[in-house]
C-alpha cells in the first residue's frame, strides 16, 4: 500500500459504552499519529441504526472495518494495541 493512500474506516459501536468510547479514542489517536490527513472515520452506532450493522454482517461491537484501500479487513475490540491494529489492517510499514 502506498504511504500516501487515503484510508477509509467504519467503526461500529454500541452507544457510549466503555468499550465504544475506548475504541473511538484509540482509533482517533492511532490515525492522528500514523495517518495524519490520510484517513476518514465513519462511526456507526448500532443502537441507533441496527440495520446498518446487519447489512455489513457486524454482530459484535466495537468492530472496525477498513474499507479502502483494498482488501477490506476487520478487527473487533477496543483497538488498544497499535501494533496489532497495524498488522490486522495490513499497515505493516507502521509496525515497530
PDB file of N, CA and C in Angstrom:
ATOM      1  N   UNK A   1       0.845  -1.182   0.000  1.00  0.00           N
ATOM      2  CA  UNK A   1       0.000   0.000   0.000  1.00  0.00           C
ATOM      3  C   UNK A   1       0.882   1.234   0.000  1.00  0.00           C
ATOM      4  N   UNK A   2       0.513   2.203  -0.801  1.00  0.00           N
ATOM      5  CA  UNK A   2       1.228   3.467  -0.852  1.00  0.00           C
ATOM      6  C   UNK A   2       1.094   4.205   0.468  1.00  0.00           C
ATOM      7  N   UNK A   3       2.180   4.824   0.894  1.00  0.00           N
ATOM      8  CA  UNK A   3       2.140   5.578   2.142  1.00  0.00           C
ATOM      9  C   UNK A   3       1.241   6.803   2.013  1.00  0.00           C
ATOM     10  N   UNK A   4       0.860   7.189   0.801  1.00  0.00           N
ATOM     11  CA  UNK A   4       0.000   8.350   0.600  1.00  0.00           C
ATOM     12  C   UNK A   4      -1.472   7.972   0.402  1.00  0.00           C
ATOM     13  N   UNK A   5      -1.770   6.689   0.364  1.00  0.00           N
ATOM     14  CA  UNK A   5      -3.148   6.252   0.148  1.00  0.00           C
ATOM     15  C   UNK A   5      -4.048   6.745   1.277  1.00  0.00           C
ATOM     16  N   UNK A   6      -5.243   7.159   0.916  1.00  0.00           N
ATOM     17  CA  UNK A   6      -6.221   7.603   1.913  1.00  0.00           C
ATOM     18  C   UNK A   6      -6.974   6.375   2.407  1.00  0.00           C
ATOM     19  N   UNK A   7      -7.027   6.211   3.708  1.00  0.00           N
ATOM     20  CA  UNK A   7      -7.702   5.065   4.309  1.00  0.00           C
ATOM     21  C   UNK A   7      -9.083   5.462   4.787  1.00  0.00           C
ATOM     22  N   UNK A   8     -10.055   4.592   4.511  1.00  0.00           N
ATOM     23  CA  UNK A   8     -11.434   4.799   4.965  1.00  0.00           C
ATOM     24  C   UNK A   8     -11.787   3.711   5.957  1.00  0.00           C
ATOM     25  N   UNK A   9     -12.271   4.140   7.111  1.00  0.00           N
ATOM     26  CA  UNK A   9     -12.648   3.219   8.176  1.00  0.00           C
ATOM     27  C   UNK A   9     -14.111   3.410   8.538  1.00  0.00           C
ATOM     28  N   UNK A  10     -14.747   2.312   8.953  1.00  0.00           N
ATOM     29  CA  UNK A  10     -16.087   2.364   9.530  1.00  0.00           C
ATOM     30  C   UNK A  10     -15.993   1.646  10.877  1.00  0.00           C
ATOM     31  N   UNK A  11     -16.306   2.359  11.945  1.00  0.00           N
ATOM     32  CA  UNK A  11     -16.235   1.813  13.288  1.00  0.00           C
ATOM     33  C   UNK A  11     -17.648   1.640  13.828  1.00  0.00           C
ATOM     34  N   UNK A  12     -18.013   0.397  14.115  1.00  0.00           N
ATOM     35  CA  UNK A  12     -19.325   0.086  14.676  1.00  0.00           C
ATOM     36  C   UNK A  12     -19.201   0.054  16.191  1.00  0.00           C
ATOM     37  N   UNK A  13     -20.038   0.841  16.867  1.00  0.00           N
ATOM     38  CA  UNK A  13     -20.044   0.915  18.326  1.00  0.00           C
ATOM     39  C   UNK A  13     -21.472   0.726  18.830  1.00  0.00           C
ATOM     40  N   UNK A  14     -21.582   0.519  20.143  1.00  0.00           N
ATOM     41  CA  UNK A  14     -22.902   0.370  20.774  1.00  0.00           C
ATOM     42  C   UNK A  14     -23.075   1.481  21.792  1.00  0.00           C
ATOM     43  N   UNK A  15     -23.584   2.611  21.346  1.00  0.00           N
ATOM     44  CA  UNK A  15     -23.822   3.738  22.242  1.00  0.00           C
ATOM     45  C   UNK A  15     -22.535   4.277  22.837  1.00  0.00           C
ATOM     46  N   UNK A  16     -22.629   4.713  24.092  1.00  0.00           N
ATOM     47  CA  UNK A  16     -21.456   5.297  24.747  1.00  0.00           C
ATOM     48  C   UNK A  16     -20.904   4.371  25.828  1.00  0.00           C
ATOM     49  N   UNK A  17     -20.922   3.071  25.543  1.00  0.00           N
ATOM     50  CA  UNK A  17     -20.348   2.109  26.474  1.00  0.00           C
ATOM     51  C   UNK A  17     -18.844   2.342  26.597  1.00  0.00           C
ATOM     52  N   UNK A  18     -18.261   1.814  27.658  1.00  0.00           N
ATOM     53  CA  UNK A  18     -16.825   1.987  27.889  1.00  0.00           C
ATOM     54  C   UNK A  18     -16.001   1.482  26.702  1.00  0.00           C
ATOM     55  N   UNK A  19     -16.323   0.309  26.191  1.00  0.00           N
ATOM     56  CA  UNK A  19     -15.575  -0.238  25.057  1.00  0.00           C
ATOM     57  C   UNK A  19     -15.713   0.632  23.816  1.00  0.00           C
ATOM     58  N   UNK A  20     -16.891   1.169  23.590  1.00  0.00           N
ATOM     59  CA  UNK A  20     -17.106   2.035  22.430  1.00  0.00           C
ATOM     60  C   UNK A  20     -16.286   3.310  22.549  1.00  0.00           C
ATOM     61  N   UNK A  21     -16.326   3.927  23.706  1.00  0.00           N
ATOM     62  CA  UNK A  21     -15.567   5.167  23.939  1.00  0.00           C
ATOM     63  C   UNK A  21     -14.074   4.908  23.767  1.00  0.00           C
ATOM     64  N   UNK A  22     -13.590   3.796  24.309  1.00  0.00           N
ATOM     65  CA  UNK A  22     -12.165   3.460  24.180  1.00  0.00           C
ATOM     66  C   UNK A  22     -11.785   3.219  22.724  1.00  0.00           C
ATOM     67  N   UNK A  23     -12.614   2.499  21.980  1.00  0.00           N
ATOM     68  CA  UNK A  23     -12.305   2.207  20.578  1.00  0.00           C
ATOM     69  C   UNK A  23     -12.231   3.488  19.759  1.00  0.00           C
ATOM     70  N   UNK A  24     -13.164   4.399  19.974  1.00  0.00           N
ATOM     71  CA  UNK A  24     -13.143   5.674  19.238  1.00  0.00           C
ATOM     72  C   UNK A  24     -11.879   6.453  19.574  1.00  0.00           C
ATOM     73  N   UNK A  25     -11.550   6.544  20.855  1.00  0.00           N
ATOM     74  CA  UNK A  25     -10.356   7.284  21.277  1.00  0.00           C
ATOM     75  C   UNK A  25      -9.086   6.634  20.734  1.00  0.00           C
ATOM     76  N   UNK A  26      -8.988   5.317  20.826  1.00  0.00           N
ATOM     77  CA  UNK A  26      -7.788   4.624  20.355  1.00  0.00           C
ATOM     78  C   UNK A  26      -7.612   4.750  18.849  1.00  0.00           C
ATOM     79  N   UNK A  27      -8.697   4.623  18.101  1.00  0.00           N
ATOM     80  CA  UNK A  27      -8.601   4.759  16.648  1.00  0.00           C
ATOM     81  C   UNK A  27      -8.230   6.185  16.262  1.00  0.00           C
ATOM     82  N   UNK A  28      -8.834   7.153  16.911  1.00  0.00           N
ATOM     83  CA  UNK A  28      -8.513   8.559  16.616  1.00  0.00           C
ATOM     84  C   UNK A  28      -7.043   8.852  16.896  1.00  0.00           C
ATOM     85  N   UNK A  29      -6.549   8.353  18.017  1.00  0.00           N
ATOM     86  CA  UNK A  29      -5.132   8.571  18.365  1.00  0.00           C
ATOM     87  C   UNK A  29      -4.214   7.880  17.360  1.00  0.00           C
ATOM     88  N   UNK A  30      -4.534   6.643  17.007  1.00  0.00           N
ATOM     89  CA  UNK A  30      -3.732   5.882  16.049  1.00  0.00           C
ATOM     90  C   UNK A  30      -3.664   6.606  14.703  1.00  0.00           C
ATOM     91  N   UNK A  31      -4.826   7.019  14.205  1.00  0.00           N
ATOM     92  CA  UNK A  31      -4.873   7.694  12.904  1.00  0.00           C
ATOM     93  C   UNK A  31      -4.173   9.043  12.950  1.00  0.00           C
ATOM     94  N   UNK A  32      -4.368   9.783  14.040  1.00  0.00           N
ATOM     95  CA  UNK A  32      -3.701  11.075  14.167  1.00  0.00           C
ATOM     96  C   UNK A  32      -2.194  10.950  14.164  1.00  0.00           C
ATOM     97  N   UNK A  33      -1.696   9.890  14.772  1.00  0.00           N
ATOM     98  CA  UNK A  33      -0.250   9.686  14.869  1.00  0.00           C
ATOM     99  C   UNK A  33       0.344   9.090  13.592  1.00  0.00           C
ATOM    100  N   UNK A  34      -0.317   8.077  13.028  1.00  0.00           N
ATOM    101  CA  UNK A  34       0.254   7.334  11.905  1.00  0.00           C
ATOM    102  C   UNK A  34      -0.313   7.691  10.537  1.00  0.00           C
ATOM    103  N   UNK A  35      -1.491   8.298  10.511  1.00  0.00           N
ATOM    104  CA  UNK A  35      -2.152   8.584   9.226  1.00  0.00           C
ATOM    105  C   UNK A  35      -2.694  10.011   9.180  1.00  0.00           C
ATOM    106  N   UNK A  36      -1.918  10.995   9.613  1.00  0.00           N
ATOM    107  CA  UNK A  36      -2.469  12.354   9.640  1.00  0.00           C
ATOM    108  C   UNK A  36      -2.886  12.818   8.243  1.00  0.00           C
ATOM    109  N   UNK A  37      -4.091  13.354   8.170  1.00  0.00           N
ATOM    110  CA  UNK A  37      -4.646  13.871   6.916  1.00  0.00           C
ATOM    111  C   UNK A  37      -4.767  12.818   5.820  1.00  0.00           C
ATOM    112  N   UNK A  38      -4.771  11.542   6.200  1.00  0.00           N
ATOM    113  CA  UNK A  38      -4.870  10.464   5.208  1.00  0.00           C
ATOM    114  C   UNK A  38      -5.914   9.444   5.603  1.00  0.00           C
ATOM    115  N   UNK A  39      -6.909   9.861   6.382  1.00  0.00           N
ATOM    116  CA  UNK A  39      -7.906   8.900   6.824  1.00  0.00           C
ATOM    117  C   UNK A  39      -9.277   9.543   6.980  1.00  0.00           C
ATOM    118  N   UNK A  40     -10.291   8.699   6.885  1.00  0.00           N
ATOM    119  CA  UNK A  40     -11.674   9.077   7.169  1.00  0.00           C
ATOM    120  C   UNK A  40     -12.220   8.028   8.121  1.00  0.00           C
ATOM    121  N   UNK A  41     -12.914   8.482   9.155  1.00  0.00           N
ATOM    122  CA  UNK A  41     -13.524   7.563  10.112  1.00  0.00           C
ATOM    123  C   UNK A  41     -15.025   7.834  10.154  1.00  0.00           C
ATOM    124  N   UNK A  42     -15.803   6.814   9.860  1.00  0.00           N
ATOM    125  CA  UNK A  42     -17.255   6.879   9.992  1.00  0.00           C
ATOM    126  C   UNK A  42     -17.621   6.033  11.214  1.00  0.00           C
ATOM    127  N   UNK A  43     -18.299   6.625  12.166  1.00  0.00           N
ATOM    128  CA  UNK A  43     -18.729   5.896  13.353  1.00  0.00           C
ATOM    129  C   UNK A  43     -20.214   5.569  13.203  1.00  0.00           C
ATOM    130  N   UNK A  44     -20.542   4.290  13.357  1.00  0.00           N
ATOM    131  CA  UNK A  44     -21.922   3.827  13.246  1.00  0.00           C
ATOM    132  C   UNK A  44     -22.344   3.279  14.604  1.00  0.00           C
ATOM    133  N   UNK A  45     -23.360   3.886  15.191  1.00  0.00           N
ATOM    134  CA  UNK A  45     -23.908   3.417  16.459  1.00  0.00           C
ATOM    135  C   UNK A  45     -24.997   2.396  16.151  1.00  0.00           C
ATOM    136  N   UNK A  46     -24.719   1.136  16.466  1.00  0.00           N
ATOM    137  CA  UNK A  46     -25.666   0.070  16.120  1.00  0.00           C
ATOM    138  C   UNK A  46     -26.946   0.139  16.936  1.00  0.00           C
ATOM    139  N   UNK A  47     -26.951   0.898  18.024  1.00  0.00           N
ATOM    140  CA  UNK A  47     -28.183   1.069  18.787  1.00  0.00           C
ATOM    141  C   UNK A  47     -29.138   2.025  18.077  1.00  0.00           C
ATOM    142  N   UNK A  48     -28.582   2.914  17.267  1.00  0.00           N
ATOM    143  CA  UNK A  48     -29.400   3.869  16.512  1.00  0.00           C
ATOM    144  C   UNK A  48     -29.758   3.363  15.119  1.00  0.00           C
ATOM    145  N   UNK A  49     -28.831   2.649  14.485  1.00  0.00           N
ATOM    146  CA  UNK A  49     -29.053   2.140  13.121  1.00  0.00           C
ATOM    147  C   UNK A  49     -28.647   0.663  13.036  1.00  0.00           C
ATOM    148  N   UNK A  50     -29.424  -0.203  13.696  1.00  0.00           N
ATOM    149  CA  UNK A  50     -29.064  -1.629  13.706  1.00  0.00           C
ATOM    150  C   UNK A  50     -29.061  -2.259  12.316  1.00  0.00           C
ATOM    151  N   UNK A  51     -29.867  -1.730  11.418  1.00  0.00           N
ATOM    152  CA  UNK A  51     -29.910  -2.292  10.066  1.00  0.00           C
ATOM    153  C   UNK A  51     -28.571  -2.138   9.353  1.00  0.00           C
ATOM    154  N   UNK A  52     -27.829  -1.111   9.692  1.00  0.00           N
ATOM    155  CA  UNK A  52     -26.509  -0.903   9.074  1.00  0.00           C
ATOM    156  C   UNK A  52     -25.546  -2.012   9.480  1.00  0.00           C
ATOM    157  N   UNK A  53     -25.581  -2.402  10.756  1.00  0.00           N
ATOM    158  CA  UNK A  53     -24.729  -3.492  11.229  1.00  0.00           C
ATOM    159  C   UNK A  53     -25.127  -4.807  10.553  1.00  0.00           C
ATOM    160  N   UNK A  54     -26.416  -5.037  10.457  1.00  0.00           N
ATOM    161  CA  UNK A  54     -26.895  -6.262   9.799  1.00  0.00           C
ATOM    162  C   UNK A  54     -26.465  -6.299   8.337  1.00  0.00           C
ATOM    163  N   UNK A  55     -26.578  -5.175   7.660  1.00  0.00           N
ATOM    164  CA  UNK A  55     -26.199  -5.093   6.245  1.00  0.00           C
ATOM    165  C   UNK A  55     -24.723  -5.428   6.056  1.00  0.00           C
ATOM    166  N   UNK A  56     -23.885  -4.982   7.007  1.00  0.00           N
ATOM    167  CA  UNK A  56     -22.443  -5.208   6.908  1.00  0.00           C
ATOM    168  C   UNK A  56     -21.986  -6.454   7.663  1.00  0.00           C
ATOM    169  N   UNK A  57     -22.947  -7.265   8.124  1.00  0.00           N
ATOM    170  CA  UNK A  57     -22.648  -8.509   8.843  1.00  0.00           C
ATOM    171  C   UNK A  57     -21.760  -8.292  10.064  1.00  0.00           C
ATOM    172  N   UNK A  58     -22.089  -7.265  10.822  1.00  0.00           N
ATOM    173  CA  UNK A  58     -21.371  -6.972  12.066  1.00  0.00           C
ATOM    174  C   UNK A  58     -22.258  -7.411  13.219  1.00  0.00           C
ATOM    175  N   UNK A  59     -21.732  -8.316  14.044  1.00  0.00           N
ATOM    176  CA  UNK A  59     -22.518  -8.888  15.134  1.00  0.00           C
ATOM    177  C   UNK A  59     -21.908  -8.617  16.508  1.00  0.00           C
ATOM    178  N   UNK A  60     -20.747  -7.980  16.549  1.00  0.00           N
ATOM    179  CA  UNK A  60     -20.093  -7.636  17.810  1.00  0.00           C
ATOM    180  C   UNK A  60     -19.608  -6.195  17.718  1.00  0.00           C
ATOM    181  N   UNK A  61     -19.575  -5.530  18.859  1.00  0.00           N
ATOM    182  CA  UNK A  61     -19.024  -4.182  18.891  1.00  0.00           C
ATOM    183  C   UNK A  61     -18.035  -4.082  20.033  1.00  0.00           C
ATOM    184  N   UNK A  62     -17.076  -3.197  19.900  1.00  0.00           N
ATOM    185  CA  UNK A  62     -16.762  -2.424  18.704  1.00  0.00           C
ATOM    186  C   UNK A  62     -16.103  -3.280  17.619  1.00  0.00           C
ATOM    187  N   UNK A  63     -16.448  -2.988  16.384  1.00  0.00           N
ATOM    188  CA  UNK A  63     -15.831  -3.610  15.217  1.00  0.00           C
ATOM    189  C   UNK A  63     -15.370  -2.512  14.277  1.00  0.00           C
ATOM    190  N   UNK A  64     -14.102  -2.603  13.879  1.00  0.00           N
ATOM    191  CA  UNK A  64     -13.546  -1.661  12.910  1.00  0.00           C
ATOM    192  C   UNK A  64     -13.416  -2.363  11.573  1.00  0.00           C
ATOM    193  N   UNK A  65     -13.889  -1.702  10.526  1.00  0.00           N
ATOM    194  CA  UNK A  65     -13.760  -2.207   9.164  1.00  0.00           C
ATOM    195  C   UNK A  65     -12.916  -1.212   8.380  1.00  0.00           C
ATOM    196  N   UNK A  66     -11.831  -1.711   7.791  1.00  0.00           N
ATOM    197  CA  UNK A  66     -11.042  -0.879   6.864  1.00  0.00           C
ATOM    198  C   UNK A  66     -11.669  -1.083   5.498  1.00  0.00           C
ATOM    199  N   UNK A  67     -12.271  -0.038   4.957  1.00  0.00           N
ATOM    200  CA  UNK A  67     -12.996  -0.128   3.689  1.00  0.00           C
ATOM    201  C   UNK A  67     -12.086   0.027   2.480  1.00  0.00           C
ATOM    202  N   UNK A  68     -11.131   0.927   2.581  1.00  0.00           N
ATOM    203  CA  UNK A  68     -10.217   1.140   1.469  1.00  0.00           C
ATOM    204  C   UNK A  68      -8.920   1.707   2.003  1.00  0.00           C
ATOM    205  N   UNK A  69      -7.839   1.453   1.297  1.00  0.00           N
ATOM    206  CA  UNK A  69      -7.768   0.669   0.066  1.00  0.00           C
ATOM    207  C   UNK A  69      -7.967  -0.818   0.338  1.00  0.00           C
ATOM    208  N   UNK A  70      -8.226  -1.544  -0.728  1.00  0.00           N
ATOM    209  CA  UNK A  70      -8.432  -2.995  -0.632  1.00  0.00           C
ATOM    210  C   UNK A  70      -7.179  -3.658  -0.090  1.00  0.00           C
ATOM    211  N   UNK A  71      -7.313  -4.796   0.534  1.00  0.00           N
ATOM    212  CA  UNK A  71      -8.521  -5.558   0.804  1.00  0.00           C
ATOM    213  C   UNK A  71      -9.240  -5.029   2.044  1.00  0.00           C
ATOM    214  N   UNK A  72     -10.547  -5.302   2.087  1.00  0.00           N
ATOM    215  CA  UNK A  72     -11.339  -4.951   3.261  1.00  0.00           C
ATOM    216  C   UNK A  72     -10.883  -5.850   4.408  1.00  0.00           C
ATOM    217  N   UNK A  73     -10.719  -5.242   5.586  1.00  0.00           N
ATOM    218  CA  UNK A  73     -10.290  -6.007   6.764  1.00  0.00           C
ATOM    219  C   UNK A  73     -11.100  -5.574   7.969  1.00  0.00           C
ATOM    220  N   UNK A  74     -11.198  -6.482   8.969  1.00  0.00           N
ATOM    221  CA  UNK A  74     -11.956  -6.181  10.184  1.00  0.00           C
ATOM    222  C   UNK A  74     -11.147  -6.556  11.417  1.00  0.00           C
ATOM    223  N   UNK A  75     -11.408  -5.818  12.484  1.00  0.00           N
ATOM    224  CA  UNK A  75     -10.845  -6.142  13.785  1.00  0.00           C
ATOM    225  C   UNK A  75     -11.904  -5.796  14.829  1.00  0.00           C
ATOM    226  N   UNK A  76     -12.029  -6.653  15.836  1.00  0.00           N
ATOM    227  CA  UNK A  76     -13.005  -6.463  16.907  1.00  0.00           C
ATOM    228  C   UNK A  76     -12.255  -6.142  18.195  1.00  0.00           C
ATOM    229  N   UNK A  77     -12.765  -5.186  18.951  1.00  0.00           N
ATOM    230  CA  UNK A  77     -12.171  -4.863  20.243  1.00  0.00           C
ATOM    231  C   UNK A  77     -11.975  -3.369  20.407  1.00  0.00           C
ATOM    232  N   UNK A  78     -11.262  -2.998  21.454  1.00  0.00           N
ATOM    233  CA  UNK A  78     -11.084  -1.579  21.776  1.00  0.00           C
ATOM    234  C   UNK A  78      -9.929  -0.930  21.024  1.00  0.00           C
ATOM    235  N   UNK A  79      -9.222  -1.700  20.214  1.00  0.00           N
ATOM    236  CA  UNK A  79      -8.142  -1.171  19.365  1.00  0.00           C
ATOM    237  C   UNK A  79      -7.010  -0.573  20.203  1.00  0.00           C
ATOM    238  N   UNK A  80      -6.750  -1.169  21.352  1.00  0.00           N
ATOM    239  CA  UNK A  80      -5.789  -0.602  22.293  1.00  0.00           C
ATOM    240  C   UNK A  80      -4.335  -0.902  21.961  1.00  0.00           C
ATOM    241  N   UNK A  81      -4.070  -1.894  21.116  1.00  0.00           N
ATOM    242  CA  UNK A  81      -2.689  -2.246  20.775  1.00  0.00           C
ATOM    243  C   UNK A  81      -2.382  -1.768  19.357  1.00  0.00           C
ATOM    244  N   UNK A  82      -1.605  -0.692  19.218  1.00  0.00           N
ATOM    245  CA  UNK A  82      -1.338  -0.161  17.882  1.00  0.00           C
ATOM    246  C   UNK A  82      -0.594  -1.137  16.973  1.00  0.00           C
ATOM    247  N   UNK A  83       0.250  -1.987  17.552  1.00  0.00           N
ATOM    248  CA  UNK A  83       0.971  -2.966  16.738  1.00  0.00           C
ATOM    249  C   UNK A  83      -0.009  -3.971  16.129  1.00  0.00           C
ATOM    250  N   UNK A  84      -0.902  -4.529  16.951  1.00  0.00           N
ATOM    251  CA  UNK A  84      -1.900  -5.483  16.460  1.00  0.00           C
ATOM    252  C   UNK A  84      -2.813  -4.793  15.447  1.00  0.00           C
ATOM    253  N   UNK A  85      -3.235  -3.591  15.745  1.00  0.00           N
ATOM    254  CA  UNK A  85      -4.100  -2.841  14.837  1.00  0.00           C
ATOM    255  C   UNK A  85      -3.434  -2.663  13.477  1.00  0.00           C
ATOM    256  N   UNK A  86      -2.182  -2.259  13.460  1.00  0.00           N
ATOM    257  CA  UNK A  86      -1.488  -2.054  12.182  1.00  0.00           C
ATOM    258  C   UNK A  86      -1.328  -3.365  11.422  1.00  0.00           C
ATOM    259  N   UNK A  87      -1.065  -4.463  12.123  1.00  0.00           N
ATOM    260  CA  UNK A  87      -0.916  -5.767  11.469  1.00  0.00           C
ATOM    261  C   UNK A  87      -2.236  -6.236  10.855  1.00  0.00           C
ATOM    262  N   UNK A  88      -3.308  -6.191  11.630  1.00  0.00           N
ATOM    263  CA  UNK A  88      -4.602  -6.666  11.146  1.00  0.00           C
ATOM    264  C   UNK A  88      -5.083  -5.831   9.966  1.00  0.00           C
ATOM    265  N   UNK A  89      -4.830  -4.546  10.003  1.00  0.00           N
ATOM    266  CA  UNK A  89      -5.282  -3.664   8.928  1.00  0.00           C
ATOM    267  C   UNK A  89      -4.356  -3.678   7.722  1.00  0.00           C
ATOM    268  N   UNK A  90      -3.268  -4.429   7.810  1.00  0.00           N
ATOM    269  CA  UNK A  90      -2.346  -4.522   6.679  1.00  0.00           C
ATOM    270  C   UNK A  90      -1.461  -3.309   6.533  1.00  0.00           C
ATOM    271  N   UNK A  91      -1.211  -2.626   7.646  1.00  0.00           N
ATOM    272  CA  UNK A  91      -0.367  -1.431   7.631  1.00  0.00           C
ATOM    273  C   UNK A  91       1.005  -1.778   8.201  1.00  0.00           C
ATOM    274  N   UNK A  92       1.599  -2.788   7.668  1.00  0.00           N
ATOM    275  CA  UNK A  92       2.833  -3.338   8.226  1.00  0.00           C
ATOM    276  C   UNK A  92       3.963  -2.311   8.332  1.00  0.00           C
ATOM    277  N   UNK A  93       3.975  -1.354   7.452  1.00  0.00           N
ATOM    278  CA  UNK A  93       5.044  -0.348   7.493  1.00  0.00           C
ATOM    279  C   UNK A  93       4.953   0.512   8.742  1.00  0.00           C
ATOM    280  N   UNK A  94       3.810   0.489   9.448  1.00  0.00           N
ATOM    281  CA  UNK A  94       3.652   1.275  10.673  1.00  0.00           C
ATOM    282  C   UNK A  94       4.071   0.498  11.907  1.00  0.00           C
ATOM    283  N   UNK A  95       4.232  -0.811  11.765  1.00  0.00           N
ATOM    284  CA  UNK A  95       4.573  -1.638  12.923  1.00  0.00           C
ATOM    285  C   UNK A  95       6.013  -1.397  13.328  1.00  0.00           C
ATOM    286  N   UNK A  96       6.312  -1.569  14.633  1.00  0.00           N
ATOM    287  CA  UNK A  96       7.694  -1.359  15.105  1.00  0.00           C
ATOM    288  C   UNK A  96       8.645  -2.404  14.556  1.00  0.00           C
TER     289      UNK A  96
END
